[in-house]
Protein backbone atom coordinates (compact mmCIF):
# COMPACT_ATOMS: atom_id res chain seq x y z
CA MET A 1 178.23 96.97 209.45
CA LEU A 2 177.52 94.54 212.21
CA LYS A 3 174.13 92.57 212.31
CA GLU A 4 171.99 93.28 215.45
CA ALA A 5 171.16 90.21 217.63
CA THR A 6 167.10 89.52 217.48
CA THR A 7 165.41 88.73 220.45
CA HIS A 8 162.12 87.13 220.54
CA THR A 9 159.91 88.25 223.52
CA THR A 10 156.58 86.32 224.59
CA ARG A 11 153.83 88.12 226.98
CA ILE A 12 153.75 86.24 229.73
CA ARG A 13 149.78 86.14 231.37
CA SER A 14 150.11 84.21 234.07
CA ILE A 15 152.95 84.30 236.70
CA SER A 16 152.52 80.40 237.04
CA GLN A 17 154.14 80.21 233.67
CA LEU A 18 157.69 81.67 234.93
CA HIS A 19 160.27 79.58 236.45
CA ARG A 20 163.46 80.63 238.38
CA GLY A 21 165.97 81.71 235.98
CA ASP A 22 163.67 82.78 233.03
CA GLU A 23 165.12 85.73 231.56
CA ILE A 24 162.23 88.26 231.51
CA GLU A 25 161.38 92.40 230.99
CA ALA A 26 158.75 94.05 232.63
CA ARG A 27 156.99 96.74 230.63
CA LEU A 28 155.02 100.08 230.87
CA SER A 29 152.22 101.31 228.46
CA VAL A 30 152.93 104.84 228.41
CA GLY A 31 150.21 105.68 226.23
CA PRO A 32 148.02 104.44 223.01
CA ALA A 33 150.09 105.86 220.04
CA TYR A 34 153.66 104.78 221.82
CA ASP A 35 155.01 101.25 222.48
CA ASP A 36 155.85 99.81 225.84
CA VAL A 37 158.45 101.31 227.65
CA VAL A 38 160.98 98.42 229.28
CA ILE A 39 161.35 99.33 232.76
CA ARG A 40 163.27 96.42 234.40
CA ARG A 41 165.23 93.11 232.74
CA GLY A 42 166.40 90.26 234.58
CA ARG A 43 166.02 86.71 235.64
CA VAL A 44 163.31 85.30 237.84
CA GLN A 45 164.38 84.68 241.31
CA GLU A 46 161.05 84.00 243.02
CA THR A 47 157.08 84.30 242.01
CA ALA A 48 154.16 84.96 244.40
CA PRO A 49 151.18 84.02 241.89
CA GLY A 50 148.54 84.81 244.97
CA ILE A 51 149.89 88.60 244.92
CA GLY A 52 150.99 89.00 241.68
CA VAL A 53 154.40 89.43 242.22
CA VAL A 54 157.90 88.45 240.40
CA TRP A 55 161.18 89.07 242.05
CA ILE A 56 163.99 89.38 239.77
CA MET A 57 167.76 89.90 239.63
CA ASP A 58 168.35 93.33 237.72
CA HIS A 59 170.51 93.27 235.18
CA ALA A 60 171.02 97.31 235.16
CA THR A 61 171.28 97.54 239.25
CA GLY A 62 172.61 94.01 240.21
CA MET A 63 170.10 94.48 242.80
CA ARG A 64 166.86 92.09 243.56
CA LYS A 65 163.85 93.91 242.53
CA ALA A 66 160.03 93.10 242.79
CA ILE A 67 157.58 93.69 239.83
CA ASN A 68 154.08 94.04 240.40
CA THR A 69 151.80 92.51 237.55
CA ASP A 70 149.04 94.74 238.16
CA GLU A 71 151.28 97.87 237.24
CA CYS A 72 153.26 96.48 234.45
CA SER A 73 153.28 93.61 231.71
CA VAL A 74 155.58 90.96 231.84
CA TRP A 75 157.41 89.36 228.91
CA ARG A 76 160.14 86.41 228.56
CA VAL A 77 163.26 87.08 226.37
CA ALA A 78 164.63 84.63 224.48
C-alpha cells in the first residue's frame, strides 16, 4: 500500500501575507456541519489587498482566475 502524501495548510487572514508563486487553495463554506470545499488551487500571480482579490494560475484549468476573499477563505499549501 502506498503512503499518501500529507500537505500542510495555513489559513491566510490577510492578502498581504501572500507572495507571487505561493501555492494556495480557495475554499468555500457549504454549511456548519461540513468541511470547507476547495473550489480553486493554484499559484499566486498577483494580489490586490485594497479590493480583496488574488489572481492565481489555476491548476485544474491552466487559466488565470480571480479569487474574491469576501466570498471564500484562502489557505497556503505547503
